[in-house]
Protein backbone atom coordinates (compact mmCIF):
# COMPACT_ATOMS: atom_id res chain seq x y z
CA MET A 1 97.17 101.82 84.94
CA ASP A 2 93.48 102.04 84.28
CA PHE A 3 92.01 103.95 87.23
CA GLU A 4 88.52 102.85 86.19
CA ARG A 5 89.42 99.23 86.95
CA TYR A 6 90.21 100.06 90.58
CA THR A 7 87.70 99.11 93.27
CA GLU A 8 85.77 101.94 94.89
CA ARG A 9 87.88 101.54 98.04
CA ALA A 10 91.12 101.76 96.03
CA LYS A 11 89.89 104.83 94.15
CA ALA A 12 88.97 106.51 97.43
CA ALA A 13 92.42 105.75 98.89
CA VAL A 14 94.22 107.21 95.86
CA GLN A 15 92.00 110.30 95.86
CA SER A 16 92.51 110.80 99.60
CA ALA A 17 96.28 110.42 99.18
CA GLN A 18 96.33 112.94 96.34
CA THR A 19 94.29 115.44 98.35
CA SER A 20 96.61 115.01 101.33
CA ALA A 21 99.70 115.45 99.18
CA LEU A 22 98.42 118.66 97.62
CA ALA A 23 97.20 120.03 100.96
CA SER A 24 100.66 119.58 102.46
CA GLY A 25 102.43 121.24 99.56
CA HIS A 26 103.63 118.17 97.68
CA PRO A 27 103.15 118.46 93.93
CA GLN A 28 103.71 114.73 93.52
CA LEU A 29 101.86 111.77 95.03
CA LEU A 30 104.34 109.62 96.96
CA PRO A 31 103.92 106.11 98.39
CA GLU A 32 103.92 107.66 101.85
CA HIS A 33 100.77 109.61 100.98
CA LEU A 34 99.00 106.44 99.93
CA PHE A 35 100.19 104.66 103.06
CA LYS A 36 98.81 107.47 105.21
CA ALA A 37 95.49 107.35 103.35
CA LEU A 38 95.23 103.60 103.94
CA PHE A 39 95.79 104.15 107.65
CA THR A 40 93.09 106.78 107.93
CA ASP A 41 90.30 105.02 106.04
CA ARG A 42 87.04 104.66 107.96
CA ASP A 43 87.30 100.87 108.32
CA ARG A 44 90.92 100.88 109.50
CA LEU A 45 91.62 97.95 107.19
CA ALA A 46 95.40 98.51 107.05
CA LEU A 47 95.65 98.74 110.83
CA ASN A 48 93.64 95.56 111.30
CA LEU A 49 95.66 93.64 108.69
CA ILE A 50 98.96 94.60 110.29
CA ARG A 51 97.65 93.69 113.73
CA ALA A 52 96.30 90.34 112.46
CA ALA A 53 99.73 89.55 111.02
CA GLY A 54 101.32 90.15 114.42
CA GLY A 55 102.70 93.59 113.63
CA ASN A 56 102.47 96.88 115.45
CA PRO A 57 100.25 99.22 113.38
CA GLU A 58 101.08 102.25 115.51
CA LEU A 59 104.80 101.77 114.87
CA ALA A 60 104.21 101.26 111.15
CA HIS A 61 102.07 104.39 110.95
CA ALA A 62 104.56 106.50 112.88
CA SER A 63 107.46 105.43 110.68
CA ALA A 64 105.79 106.28 107.37
CA SER A 65 105.22 109.99 107.16
CA PRO A 66 105.68 111.99 103.94
CA PRO A 67 108.89 114.03 103.64
CA PRO A 68 108.70 117.81 103.86
CA PRO A 69 107.65 119.44 100.55
CA SER A 70 111.15 120.72 99.85
CA ALA A 71 112.57 117.19 100.16
CA ALA A 72 110.03 115.64 97.79
CA PRO A 73 111.49 114.62 94.40
């Protein structure tokens, strides 16, 4: 993957996910970290997309939390 080809929003999401992973003791970036970053962006794009599709964004957010650091691969 060429990180430079990402949009600014995508770069910010990946950087936020990586920061979150490291801050919570995970040495590896997991999909759950990226999911969490997408849910906490300032525009709430992920929440709005899920809601527009008829889903429950609160349920989706609650069900996708990173595993404890010791359980990370």
